[in-house]
Amino acid sequence: KHGLPRIHYLRKTKAAVKFLSIEPLLEDLGQIDLSGIQWVIV
């Protein structure tokens, strides 16, 4: 509910590296749209 929508806003930036900090992971996120993401931390 709160976390996945943030990825959409991150993709709007033109940062050289766009990353996700999935911490604390509180539930199964299902399918994630990882297009345009360069790094994931859990």
PDB file of all heavy atoms in Angstrom:
ATOM      1  N   LYS A   1       0.812  -1.220   0.000  1.00  0.00           N
ATOM      2  CA  LYS A   1       0.000   0.000   0.000  1.00  0.00           C
ATOM      3  C   LYS A   1       0.843   1.266   0.000  1.00  0.00           C
ATOM      4  O   LYS A   1       0.594   2.188  -0.795  1.00  0.00           O
ATOM      5  CB  LYS A   1      -0.937   0.002   1.213  1.00  0.00           C
ATOM      6  CG  LYS A   1      -1.807   1.242   1.306  1.00  0.00           C
ATOM      7  CD  LYS A   1      -2.723   1.186   2.520  1.00  0.00           C
ATOM      8  CE  LYS A   1      -3.576   2.455   2.622  1.00  0.00           C
ATOM      9  NZ  LYS A   1      -4.477   2.407   3.816  1.00  0.00           N
ATOM     10  N   HIS A   2       1.820   1.343   0.880  1.00  0.00           N
ATOM     11  CA  HIS A   2       2.603   2.571   1.013  1.00  0.00           C
ATOM     12  C   HIS A   2       3.909   2.532   0.215  1.00  0.00           C
ATOM     13  O   HIS A   2       4.359   3.571  -0.285  1.00  0.00           O
ATOM     14  CB  HIS A   2       2.938   2.828   2.486  1.00  0.00           C
ATOM     15  CG  HIS A   2       1.740   2.953   3.368  1.00  0.00           C
ATOM     16  ND1 HIS A   2       1.135   1.853   3.938  1.00  0.00           N
ATOM     17  CD2 HIS A   2       1.035   4.027   3.768  1.00  0.00           C
ATOM     18  CE1 HIS A   2       0.103   2.261   4.666  1.00  0.00           C
ATOM     19  NE2 HIS A   2       0.016   3.573   4.577  1.00  0.00           N
ATOM     20  N   GLY A   3       4.524   1.361   0.136  1.00  0.00           N
ATOM     21  CA  GLY A   3       5.858   1.267  -0.446  1.00  0.00           C
ATOM     22  C   GLY A   3       5.913   1.213  -1.958  1.00  0.00           C
ATOM     23  O   GLY A   3       6.680   1.944  -2.591  1.00  0.00           O
ATOM     24  N   LEU A   4       5.105   0.340  -2.563  1.00  0.00           N
ATOM     25  CA  LEU A   4       5.198   0.171  -4.005  1.00  0.00           C
ATOM     26  C   LEU A   4       4.909   1.447  -4.795  1.00  0.00           C
ATOM     27  O   LEU A   4       5.578   1.709  -5.807  1.00  0.00           O
ATOM     28  CB  LEU A   4       4.273  -0.966  -4.465  1.00  0.00           C
ATOM     29  CG  LEU A   4       4.687  -2.391  -4.049  1.00  0.00           C
ATOM     30  CD1 LEU A   4       3.763  -3.408  -4.699  1.00  0.00           C
ATOM     31  CD2 LEU A   4       6.138  -2.689  -4.413  1.00  0.00           C
ATOM     32  N   PRO A   5       3.927   2.286  -4.396  1.00  0.00           N
ATOM     33  CA  PRO A   5       3.706   3.525  -5.155  1.00  0.00           C
ATOM     34  C   PRO A   5       4.916   4.447  -5.196  1.00  0.00           C
ATOM     35  O   PRO A   5       5.051   5.254  -6.131  1.00  0.00           O
ATOM     36  CB  PRO A   5       2.528   4.179  -4.414  1.00  0.00           C
ATOM     37  CG  PRO A   5       1.798   3.036  -3.781  1.00  0.00           C
ATOM     38  CD  PRO A   5       2.884   2.090  -3.368  1.00  0.00           C
ATOM     39  N   ARG A   6       5.803   4.360  -4.207  1.00  0.00           N
ATOM     40  CA  ARG A   6       6.982   5.230  -4.201  1.00  0.00           C
ATOM     41  C   ARG A   6       7.908   4.926  -5.379  1.00  0.00           C
ATOM     42  O   ARG A   6       8.634   5.815  -5.841  1.00  0.00           O
ATOM     43  CB  ARG A   6       7.746   5.075  -2.885  1.00  0.00           C
ATOM     44  CG  ARG A   6       6.954   5.502  -1.655  1.00  0.00           C
ATOM     45  CD  ARG A   6       7.783   5.375  -0.392  1.00  0.00           C
ATOM     46  NE  ARG A   6       6.973   5.622   0.792  1.00  0.00           N
ATOM     47  CZ  ARG A   6       6.882   4.808   1.835  1.00  0.00           C
ATOM     48  NH1 ARG A   6       7.598   3.680   1.857  1.00  0.00           N
ATOM     49  NH2 ARG A   6       6.116   5.100   2.860  1.00  0.00           N
ATOM     50  N   ILE A   7       7.890   3.678  -5.848  1.00  0.00           N
ATOM     51  CA  ILE A   7       8.770   3.302  -6.962  1.00  0.00           C
ATOM     52  C   ILE A   7       8.392   4.085  -8.217  1.00  0.00           C
ATOM     53  O   ILE A   7       9.256   4.485  -9.004  1.00  0.00           O
ATOM     54  CB  ILE A   7       8.698   1.786  -7.219  1.00  0.00           C
ATOM     55  CG1 ILE A   7       9.038   1.002  -5.937  1.00  0.00           C
ATOM     56  CG2 ILE A   7       9.673   1.394  -8.327  1.00  0.00           C
ATOM     57  CD1 ILE A   7       8.872  -0.506  -6.073  1.00  0.00           C
ATOM     58  N   HIS A   8       7.120   4.306  -8.409  1.00  0.00           N
ATOM     59  CA  HIS A   8       6.643   5.077  -9.562  1.00  0.00           C
ATOM     60  C   HIS A   8       7.239   6.487  -9.554  1.00  0.00           C
ATOM     61  O   HIS A   8       7.705   6.984 -10.591  1.00  0.00           O
ATOM     62  CB  HIS A   8       5.116   5.146  -9.540  1.00  0.00           C
ATOM     63  CG  HIS A   8       4.527   6.142 -10.491  1.00  0.00           C
ATOM     64  ND1 HIS A   8       4.532   5.964 -11.871  1.00  0.00           N
ATOM     65  CD2 HIS A   8       3.926   7.353 -10.280  1.00  0.00           C
ATOM     66  CE1 HIS A   8       3.959   6.994 -12.451  1.00  0.00           C
ATOM     67  NE2 HIS A   8       3.585   7.851 -11.522  1.00  0.00           N
ATOM     68  N   TYR A   9       7.239   7.134  -8.385  1.00  0.00           N
ATOM     69  CA  TYR A   9       7.805   8.483  -8.285  1.00  0.00           C
ATOM     70  C   TYR A   9       9.317   8.466  -8.489  1.00  0.00           C
ATOM     71  O   TYR A   9       9.877   9.371  -9.121  1.00  0.00           O
ATOM     72  CB  TYR A   9       7.472   9.092  -6.925  1.00  0.00           C
ATOM     73  CG  TYR A   9       6.024   9.470  -6.773  1.00  0.00           C
ATOM     74  CD1 TYR A   9       5.167   8.730  -5.960  1.00  0.00           C
ATOM     75  CD2 TYR A   9       5.496  10.569  -7.438  1.00  0.00           C
ATOM     76  CE1 TYR A   9       3.837   9.081  -5.811  1.00  0.00           C
ATOM     77  CE2 TYR A   9       4.167  10.938  -7.304  1.00  0.00           C
ATOM     78  CZ  TYR A   9       3.336  10.183  -6.489  1.00  0.00           C
ATOM     79  OH  TYR A   9       2.020  10.526  -6.354  1.00  0.00           O
ATOM     80  N   LEU A  10       9.988   7.445  -7.959  1.00  0.00           N
ATOM     81  CA  LEU A  10      11.433   7.334  -8.128  1.00  0.00           C
ATOM     82  C   LEU A  10      11.795   7.237  -9.604  1.00  0.00           C
ATOM     83  O   LEU A  10      12.762   7.862 -10.067  1.00  0.00           O
ATOM     84  CB  LEU A  10      11.950   6.094  -7.385  1.00  0.00           C
ATOM     85  CG  LEU A  10      13.428   5.756  -7.555  1.00  0.00           C
ATOM     86  CD1 LEU A  10      14.313   6.874  -7.026  1.00  0.00           C
ATOM     87  CD2 LEU A  10      13.754   4.434  -6.849  1.00  0.00           C
ATOM     88  N   ARG A  11      11.004   6.484 -10.354  1.00  0.00           N
ATOM     89  CA  ARG A  11      11.277   6.313 -11.783  1.00  0.00           C
ATOM     90  C   ARG A  11      11.186   7.628 -12.556  1.00  0.00           C
ATOM     91  O   ARG A  11      11.758   7.769 -13.632  1.00  0.00           O
ATOM     92  CB  ARG A  11      10.307   5.288 -12.383  1.00  0.00           C
ATOM     93  CG  ARG A  11      10.954   3.944 -12.701  1.00  0.00           C
ATOM     94  CD  ARG A  11      10.037   3.090 -13.549  1.00  0.00           C
ATOM     95  NE  ARG A  11       8.794   2.819 -12.874  1.00  0.00           N
ATOM     96  CZ  ARG A  11       8.572   1.780 -12.070  1.00  0.00           C
ATOM     97  NH1 ARG A  11       9.555   0.915 -11.854  1.00  0.00           N
ATOM     98  NH2 ARG A  11       7.403   1.604 -11.490  1.00  0.00           N
ATOM     99  N   LYS A  12      10.453   8.588 -12.014  1.00  0.00           N
ATOM    100  CA  LYS A  12      10.304   9.880 -12.689  1.00  0.00           C
ATOM    101  C   LYS A  12      11.599  10.687 -12.654  1.00  0.00           C
ATOM    102  O   LYS A  12      11.777  11.604 -13.461  1.00  0.00           O
ATOM    103  CB  LYS A  12       9.181  10.691 -12.046  1.00  0.00           C
ATOM    104  CG  LYS A  12       7.780  10.159 -12.320  1.00  0.00           C
ATOM    105  CD  LYS A  12       6.725  11.096 -11.730  1.00  0.00           C
ATOM    106  CE  LYS A  12       5.330  10.655 -12.093  1.00  0.00           C
ATOM    107  NZ  LYS A  12       4.295  11.603 -11.587  1.00  0.00           N
ATOM    108  N   THR A  13      12.477  10.401 -11.716  1.00  0.00           N
ATOM    109  CA  THR A  13      13.742  11.135 -11.635  1.00  0.00           C
ATOM    110  C   THR A  13      14.720  10.591 -12.666  1.00  0.00           C
ATOM    111  O   THR A  13      14.554   9.484 -13.186  1.00  0.00           O
ATOM    112  CB  THR A  13      14.374  11.008 -10.239  1.00  0.00           C
ATOM    113  OG1 THR A  13      14.876   9.678 -10.061  1.00  0.00           O
ATOM    114  CG2 THR A  13      13.363  11.320  -9.149  1.00  0.00           C
ATOM    115  N   LYS A  14      15.738  11.389 -12.945  1.00  0.00           N
ATOM    116  CA  LYS A  14      16.752  10.976 -13.906  1.00  0.00           C
ATOM    117  C   LYS A  14      18.062  10.646 -13.202  1.00  0.00           C
ATOM    118  O   LYS A  14      19.155  10.888 -13.737  1.00  0.00           O
ATOM    119  CB  LYS A  14      16.956  12.078 -14.951  1.00  0.00           C
ATOM    120  CG  LYS A  14      15.707  12.338 -15.794  1.00  0.00           C
ATOM    121  CD  LYS A  14      15.934  13.430 -16.812  1.00  0.00           C
ATOM    122  CE  LYS A  14      14.672  13.684 -17.633  1.00  0.00           C
ATOM    123  NZ  LYS A  14      14.863  14.769 -18.626  1.00  0.00           N
ATOM    124  N   ALA A  15      17.945  10.081 -12.005  1.00  0.00           N
ATOM    125  CA  ALA A  15      19.139   9.697 -11.251  1.00  0.00           C
ATOM    126  C   ALA A  15      19.906   8.612 -11.989  1.00  0.00           C
ATOM    127  O   ALA A  15      19.310   7.720 -12.611  1.00  0.00           O
ATOM    128  CB  ALA A  15      18.741   9.195  -9.860  1.00  0.00           C
ATOM    129  N   ALA A  16      21.230   8.670 -11.920  1.00  0.00           N
ATOM    130  CA  ALA A  16      22.068   7.660 -12.569  1.00  0.00           C
ATOM    131  C   ALA A  16      21.847   6.292 -11.948  1.00  0.00           C
ATOM    132  O   ALA A  16      21.879   5.266 -12.637  1.00  0.00           O
ATOM    133  CB  ALA A  16      23.542   8.056 -12.467  1.00  0.00           C
ATOM    134  N   VAL A  17      21.644   6.265 -10.641  1.00  0.00           N
ATOM    135  CA  VAL A  17      21.332   5.025  -9.926  1.00  0.00           C
ATOM    136  C   VAL A  17      20.073   5.247  -9.109  1.00  0.00           C
ATOM    137  O   VAL A  17      20.013   6.149  -8.271  1.00  0.00           O
ATOM    138  CB  VAL A  17      22.487   4.583  -9.011  1.00  0.00           C
ATOM    139  CG1 VAL A  17      22.061   3.392  -8.141  1.00  0.00           C
ATOM    140  CG2 VAL A  17      23.719   4.218  -9.830  1.00  0.00           C
ATOM    141  N   LYS A  18      19.065   4.436  -9.363  1.00  0.00           N
ATOM    142  CA  LYS A  18      17.809   4.462  -8.595  1.00  0.00           C
ATOM    143  C   LYS A  18      17.706   3.142  -7.841  1.00  0.00           C
ATOM    144  O   LYS A  18      17.837   2.074  -8.449  1.00  0.00           O
ATOM    145  CB  LYS A  18      16.615   4.657  -9.540  1.00  0.00           C
ATOM    146  CG  LYS A  18      16.598   6.023 -10.223  1.00  0.00           C
ATOM    147  CD  LYS A  18      15.420   6.195 -11.159  1.00  0.00           C
ATOM    148  CE  LYS A  18      15.662   5.541 -12.499  1.00  0.00           C
ATOM    149  NZ  LYS A  18      16.727   6.211 -13.281  1.00  0.00           N
ATOM    150  N   PHE A  19      17.487   3.229  -6.524  1.00  0.00           N
ATOM    151  CA  PHE A  19      17.508   2.000  -5.725  1.00  0.00           C
ATOM    152  C   PHE A  19      16.327   1.911  -4.775  1.00  0.00           C
ATOM    153  O   PHE A  19      15.687   2.915  -4.441  1.00  0.00           O
ATOM    154  CB  PHE A  19      18.831   1.867  -4.974  1.00  0.00           C
ATOM    155  CG  PHE A  19      19.042   2.840  -3.846  1.00  0.00           C
ATOM    156  CD1 PHE A  19      18.781   2.479  -2.526  1.00  0.00           C
ATOM    157  CD2 PHE A  19      19.544   4.121  -4.084  1.00  0.00           C
ATOM    158  CE1 PHE A  19      18.996   3.353  -1.471  1.00  0.00           C
ATOM    159  CE2 PHE A  19      19.765   5.015  -3.040  1.00  0.00           C
ATOM    160  CZ  PHE A  19      19.490   4.632  -1.726  1.00  0.00           C
ATOM    161  N   LEU A  20      16.056   0.681  -4.337  1.00  0.00           N
ATOM    162  CA  LEU A  20      14.989   0.407  -3.380  1.00  0.00           C
ATOM    163  C   LEU A  20      15.591  -0.134  -2.102  1.00  0.00           C
ATOM    164  O   LEU A  20      16.434  -1.035  -2.134  1.00  0.00           O
ATOM    165  CB  LEU A  20      14.011  -0.637  -3.937  1.00  0.00           C
ATOM    166  CG  LEU A  20      13.440  -0.419  -5.339  1.00  0.00           C
ATOM    167  CD1 LEU A  20      12.484  -1.555  -5.691  1.00  0.00           C
ATOM    168  CD2 LEU A  20      12.770   0.928  -5.468  1.00  0.00           C
ATOM    169  N   SER A  21      15.163   0.408  -0.976  1.00  0.00           N
ATOM    170  CA  SER A  21      15.508  -0.155   0.332  1.00  0.00           C
ATOM    171  C   SER A  21      14.253  -0.808   0.876  1.00  0.00           C
ATOM    172  O   SER A  21      13.365  -0.138   1.416  1.00  0.00           O
ATOM    173  CB  SER A  21      16.010   0.933   1.279  1.00  0.00           C
ATOM    174  OG  SER A  21      16.253   0.382   2.568  1.00  0.00           O
ATOM    175  N   ILE A  22      14.148  -2.113   0.711  1.00  0.00           N
ATOM    176  CA  ILE A  22      12.971  -2.857   1.140  1.00  0.00           C
ATOM    177  C   ILE A  22      13.236  -3.339   2.568  1.00  0.00           C
ATOM    178  O   ILE A  22      13.550  -4.490   2.833  1.00  0.00           O
ATOM    179  CB  ILE A  22      12.667  -4.010   0.169  1.00  0.00           C
ATOM    180  CG1 ILE A  22      12.528  -3.450  -1.251  1.00  0.00           C
ATOM    181  CG2 ILE A  22      11.403  -4.747   0.565  1.00  0.00           C
ATOM    182  CD1 ILE A  22      12.266  -4.498  -2.323  1.00  0.00           C
ATOM    183  N   GLU A  23      13.142  -2.396   3.487  1.00  0.00           N
ATOM    184  CA  GLU A  23      13.466  -2.653   4.894  1.00  0.00           C
ATOM    185  C   GLU A  23      12.741  -1.661   5.789  1.00  0.00           C
ATOM    186  O   GLU A  23      12.853  -0.448   5.547  1.00  0.00           O
ATOM    187  CB  GLU A  23      14.977  -2.559   5.118  1.00  0.00           C
ATOM    188  CG  GLU A  23      15.383  -2.888   6.541  1.00  0.00           C
ATOM    189  CD  GLU A  23      16.868  -2.656   6.793  1.00  0.00           C
ATOM    190  OE1 GLU A  23      17.528  -2.026   5.954  1.00  0.00           O
ATOM    191  OE2 GLU A  23      17.352  -3.100   7.854  1.00  0.00           O
ATOM    192  N   PRO A  24      11.991  -2.107   6.778  1.00  0.00           N
ATOM    193  CA  PRO A  24      11.707  -3.517   7.036  1.00  0.00           C
ATOM    194  C   PRO A  24      10.670  -4.070   6.064  1.00  0.00           C
ATOM    195  O   PRO A  24       9.673  -3.396   5.769  1.00  0.00           O
ATOM    196  CB  PRO A  24      11.143  -3.494   8.458  1.00  0.00           C
ATOM    197  CG  PRO A  24      10.470  -2.153   8.569  1.00  0.00           C
ATOM    198  CD  PRO A  24      11.341  -1.213   7.776  1.00  0.00           C
ATOM    199  N   LEU A  25      10.904  -5.262   5.563  1.00  0.00           N
ATOM    200  CA  LEU A  25       9.936  -5.913   4.681  1.00  0.00           C
ATOM    201  C   LEU A  25       8.828  -6.498   5.552  1.00  0.00           C
ATOM    202  O   LEU A  25       9.066  -7.396   6.351  1.00  0.00           O
ATOM    203  CB  LEU A  25      10.636  -7.009   3.877  1.00  0.00           C
ATOM    204  CG  LEU A  25       9.766  -7.863   2.949  1.00  0.00           C
ATOM    205  CD1 LEU A  25       8.972  -6.997   1.980  1.00  0.00           C
ATOM    206  CD2 LEU A  25      10.631  -8.864   2.190  1.00  0.00           C
ATOM    207  N   LEU A  26       7.615  -5.977   5.381  1.00  0.00           N
ATOM    208  CA  LEU A  26       6.511  -6.312   6.284  1.00  0.00           C
ATOM    209  C   LEU A  26       5.495  -7.288   5.698  1.00  0.00           C
ATOM    210  O   LEU A  26       4.613  -7.759   6.426  1.00  0.00           O
ATOM    211  CB  LEU A  26       5.787  -5.030   6.719  1.00  0.00           C
ATOM    212  CG  LEU A  26       6.640  -3.987   7.446  1.00  0.00           C
ATOM    213  CD1 LEU A  26       5.800  -2.764   7.777  1.00  0.00           C
ATOM    214  CD2 LEU A  26       7.251  -4.582   8.708  1.00  0.00           C
ATOM    215  N   GLU A  27       5.583  -7.558   4.396  1.00  0.00           N
ATOM    216  CA  GLU A  27       4.650  -8.503   3.784  1.00  0.00           C
ATOM    217  C   GLU A  27       5.185  -8.935   2.425  1.00  0.00           C
ATOM    218  O   GLU A  27       6.151  -8.360   1.911  1.00  0.00           O
ATOM    219  CB  GLU A  27       3.269  -7.869   3.606  1.00  0.00           C
ATOM    220  CG  GLU A  27       3.234  -6.698   2.640  1.00  0.00           C
ATOM    221  CD  GLU A  27       1.841  -6.091   2.493  1.00  0.00           C
ATOM    222  OE1 GLU A  27       0.888  -6.638   3.081  1.00  0.00           O
ATOM    223  OE2 GLU A  27       1.716  -5.073   1.792  1.00  0.00           O
ATOM    224  N   ASP A  28       4.567  -9.947   1.852  1.00  0.00           N
ATOM    225  CA  ASP A  28       4.926 -10.374   0.502  1.00  0.00           C
ATOM    226  C   ASP A  28       4.500  -9.281  -0.472  1.00  0.00           C
ATOM    227  O   ASP A  28       3.333  -8.879  -0.506  1.00  0.00           O
ATOM    228  CB  ASP A  28       4.210 -11.683   0.180  1.00  0.00           C
ATOM    229  CG  ASP A  28       4.656 -12.284  -1.142  1.00  0.00           C
ATOM    230  OD1 ASP A  28       5.426 -11.616  -1.866  1.00  0.00           O
ATOM    231  OD2 ASP A  28       4.231 -13.407  -1.456  1.00  0.00           O
ATOM    232  N   LEU A  29       5.431  -8.787  -1.269  1.00  0.00           N
ATOM    233  CA  LEU A  29       5.149  -7.677  -2.176  1.00  0.00           C
ATOM    234  C   LEU A  29       4.566  -8.124  -3.509  1.00  0.00           C
ATOM    235  O   LEU A  29       4.179  -7.285  -4.327  1.00  0.00           O
ATOM    236  CB  LEU A  29       6.431  -6.877  -2.425  1.00  0.00           C
ATOM    237  CG  LEU A  29       7.044  -6.191  -1.199  1.00  0.00           C
ATOM    238  CD1 LEU A  29       8.336  -5.484  -1.589  1.00  0.00           C
ATOM    239  CD2 LEU A  29       6.070  -5.223  -0.545  1.00  0.00           C
ATOM    240  N   GLY A  30       4.500  -9.434  -3.734  1.00  0.00           N
ATOM    241  CA  GLY A  30       3.969  -9.907  -5.001  1.00  0.00           C
ATOM    242  C   GLY A  30       4.884  -9.527  -6.148  1.00  0.00           C
ATOM    243  O   GLY A  30       6.106  -9.449  -6.007  1.00  0.00           O
ATOM    244  N   GLN A  31       4.292  -9.248  -7.310  1.00  0.00           N
ATOM    245  CA  GLN A  31       5.072  -8.859  -8.468  1.00  0.00           C
ATOM    246  C   GLN A  31       5.429  -7.377  -8.379  1.00  0.00           C
ATOM    247  O   GLN A  31       4.561  -6.537  -8.151  1.00  0.00           O
ATOM    248  CB  GLN A  31       4.286  -9.120  -9.759  1.00  0.00           C
ATOM    249  CG  GLN A  31       5.097  -8.965 -11.030  1.00  0.00           C
ATOM    250  CD  GLN A  31       6.210 -10.004 -11.166  1.00  0.00           C
ATOM    251  OE1 GLN A  31       6.067 -11.120 -10.669  1.00  0.00           O
ATOM    252  NE2 GLN A  31       7.302  -9.630 -11.813  1.00  0.00           N
ATOM    253  N   ILE A  32       6.713  -7.066  -8.557  1.00  0.00           N
ATOM    254  CA  ILE A  32       7.204  -5.693  -8.453  1.00  0.00           C
ATOM    255  C   ILE A  32       7.659  -5.208  -9.826  1.00  0.00           C
ATOM    256  O   ILE A  32       8.370  -5.925 -10.535  1.00  0.00           O
ATOM    257  CB  ILE A  32       8.385  -5.598  -7.466  1.00  0.00           C
ATOM    258  CG1 ILE A  32       8.070  -6.311  -6.153  1.00  0.00           C
ATOM    259  CG2 ILE A  32       8.768  -4.150  -7.209  1.00  0.00           C
ATOM    260  CD1 ILE A  32       9.285  -6.509  -5.262  1.00  0.00           C
ATOM    261  N   ASP A  33       7.267  -4.008 -10.190  1.00  0.00           N
ATOM    262  CA  ASP A  33       7.760  -3.406 -11.428  1.00  0.00           C
ATOM    263  C   ASP A  33       9.141  -2.825 -11.146  1.00  0.00           C
ATOM    264  O   ASP A  33       9.271  -1.767 -10.521  1.00  0.00           O
ATOM    265  CB  ASP A  33       6.798  -2.320 -11.901  1.00  0.00           C
ATOM    266  CG  ASP A  33       7.235  -1.690 -13.229  1.00  0.00           C
ATOM    267  OD1 ASP A  33       8.305  -2.073 -13.745  1.00  0.00           O
ATOM    268  OD2 ASP A  33       6.514  -0.816 -13.733  1.00  0.00           O
ATOM    269  N   LEU A  34      10.169  -3.522 -11.592  1.00  0.00           N
ATOM    270  CA  LEU A  34      11.552  -3.122 -11.335  1.00  0.00           C
ATOM    271  C   LEU A  34      12.179  -2.399 -12.521  1.00  0.00           C
ATOM    272  O   LEU A  34      13.387  -2.163 -12.526  1.00  0.00           O
ATOM    273  CB  LEU A  34      12.395  -4.349 -10.969  1.00  0.00           C
ATOM    274  CG  LEU A  34      12.044  -5.038  -9.649  1.00  0.00           C
ATOM    275  CD1 LEU A  34      12.841  -6.324  -9.496  1.00  0.00           C
ATOM    276  CD2 LEU A  34      12.299  -4.116  -8.464  1.00  0.00           C
ATOM    277  N   SER A  35      11.379  -2.012 -13.500  1.00  0.00           N
ATOM    278  CA  SER A  35      11.936  -1.315 -14.660  1.00  0.00           C
ATOM    279  C   SER A  35      12.569   0.003 -14.227  1.00  0.00           C
ATOM    280  O   SER A  35      12.006   0.765 -13.444  1.00  0.00           O
ATOM    281  CB  SER A  35      10.846  -1.061 -15.698  1.00  0.00           C
ATOM    282  OG  SER A  35       9.793  -0.292 -15.158  1.00  0.00           O
ATOM    283  N   GLY A  36      13.775   0.260 -14.717  1.00  0.00           N
ATOM    284  CA  GLY A  36      14.479   1.493 -14.403  1.00  0.00           C
ATOM    285  C   GLY A  36      15.160   1.509 -13.058  1.00  0.00           C
ATOM    286  O   GLY A  36      15.721   2.531 -12.666  1.00  0.00           O
ATOM    287  N   ILE A  37      15.157   0.383 -12.331  1.00  0.00           N
ATOM    288  CA  ILE A  37      15.792   0.301 -11.014  1.00  0.00           C
ATOM    289  C   ILE A  37      17.148  -0.383 -11.157  1.00  0.00           C
ATOM    290  O   ILE A  37      17.270  -1.408 -11.831  1.00  0.00           O
ATOM    291  CB  ILE A  37      14.899  -0.485 -10.020  1.00  0.00           C
ATOM    292  CG1 ILE A  37      13.529   0.186  -9.903  1.00  0.00           C
ATOM    293  CG2 ILE A  37      15.580  -0.585  -8.658  1.00  0.00           C
ATOM    294  CD1 ILE A  37      13.562   1.626  -9.453  1.00  0.00           C
ATOM    295  N   GLN A  38      18.165   0.174 -10.499  1.00  0.00           N
ATOM    296  CA  GLN A  38      19.530  -0.354 -10.632  1.00  0.00           C
ATOM    297  C   GLN A  38      20.028  -1.139  -9.418  1.00  0.00           C
ATOM    298  O   GLN A  38      21.100  -1.743  -9.476  1.00  0.00           O
ATOM    299  CB  GLN A  38      20.513   0.795 -10.898  1.00  0.00           C
ATOM    300  CG  GLN A  38      20.465   1.355 -12.307  1.00  0.00           C
ATOM    301  CD  GLN A  38      19.291   2.267 -12.554  1.00  0.00           C
ATOM    302  OE1 GLN A  38      18.936   3.081 -11.702  1.00  0.00           O
ATOM    303  NE2 GLN A  38      18.677   2.149 -13.719  1.00  0.00           N
ATOM    304  N   TRP A  39      19.267  -1.133  -8.317  1.00  0.00           N
ATOM    305  CA  TRP A  39      19.783  -1.791  -7.102  1.00  0.00           C
ATOM    306  C   TRP A  39      18.625  -2.028  -6.149  1.00  0.00           C
ATOM    307  O   TRP A  39      17.729  -1.180  -6.024  1.00  0.00           O
ATOM    308  CB  TRP A  39      20.829  -0.892  -6.452  1.00  0.00           C
ATOM    309  CG  TRP A  39      21.605  -1.478  -5.315  1.00  0.00           C
ATOM    310  CD1 TRP A  39      21.950  -2.781  -5.114  1.00  0.00           C
ATOM    311  CD2 TRP A  39      22.172  -0.753  -4.211  1.00  0.00           C
ATOM    312  NE1 TRP A  39      22.694  -2.923  -3.966  1.00  0.00           N
ATOM    313  CE2 TRP A  39      22.842  -1.690  -3.400  1.00  0.00           C
ATOM    314  CE3 TRP A  39      22.174   0.587  -3.843  1.00  0.00           C
ATOM    315  CZ2 TRP A  39      23.502  -1.319  -2.226  1.00  0.00           C
ATOM    316  CZ3 TRP A  39      22.825   0.964  -2.687  1.00  0.00           C
ATOM    317  CH2 TRP A  39      23.497   0.014  -1.888  1.00  0.00           C
ATOM    318  N   VAL A  40      18.647  -3.179  -5.455  1.00  0.00           N
ATOM    319  CA  VAL A  40      17.611  -3.494  -4.469  1.00  0.00           C
ATOM    320  C   VAL A  40      18.260  -4.029  -3.198  1.00  0.00           C
ATOM    321  O   VAL A  40      19.094  -4.944  -3.245  1.00  0.00           O
ATOM    322  CB  VAL A  40      16.607  -4.538  -5.010  1.00  0.00           C
ATOM    323  CG1 VAL A  40      15.624  -4.958  -3.925  1.00  0.00           C
ATOM    324  CG2 VAL A  40      15.842  -3.974  -6.209  1.00  0.00           C
ATOM    325  N   ILE A  41      17.882  -3.438  -2.059  1.00  0.00           N
ATOM    326  CA  ILE A  41      18.335  -3.873  -0.733  1.00  0.00           C
ATOM    327  C   ILE A  41      17.123  -4.428   0.011  1.00  0.00           C
ATOM    328  O   ILE A  41      16.038  -3.857  -0.047  1.00  0.00           O
ATOM    329  CB  ILE A  41      18.905  -2.682   0.076  1.00  0.00           C
ATOM    330  CG1 ILE A  41      19.997  -1.968  -0.702  1.00  0.00           C
ATOM    331  CG2 ILE A  41      19.405  -3.139   1.444  1.00  0.00           C
ATOM    332  CD1 ILE A  41      20.299  -0.563  -0.163  1.00  0.00           C
ATOM    333  N   VAL A  42      17.301  -5.540   0.721  1.00  0.00           N
ATOM    334  CA  VAL A  42      16.219  -6.101   1.528  1.00  0.00           C
ATOM    335  C   VAL A  42      16.745  -6.379   2.929  1.00  0.00           C
ATOM    336  O   VAL A  42      17.881  -6.832   3.104  1.00  0.00           O
ATOM    337  CB  VAL A  42      15.657  -7.404   0.917  1.00  0.00           C
ATOM    338  CG1 VAL A  42      14.605  -8.023   1.837  1.00  0.00           C
ATOM    339  CG2 VAL A  42      15.041  -7.135  -0.441  1.00  0.00           C
TER     340      VAL A  42
END
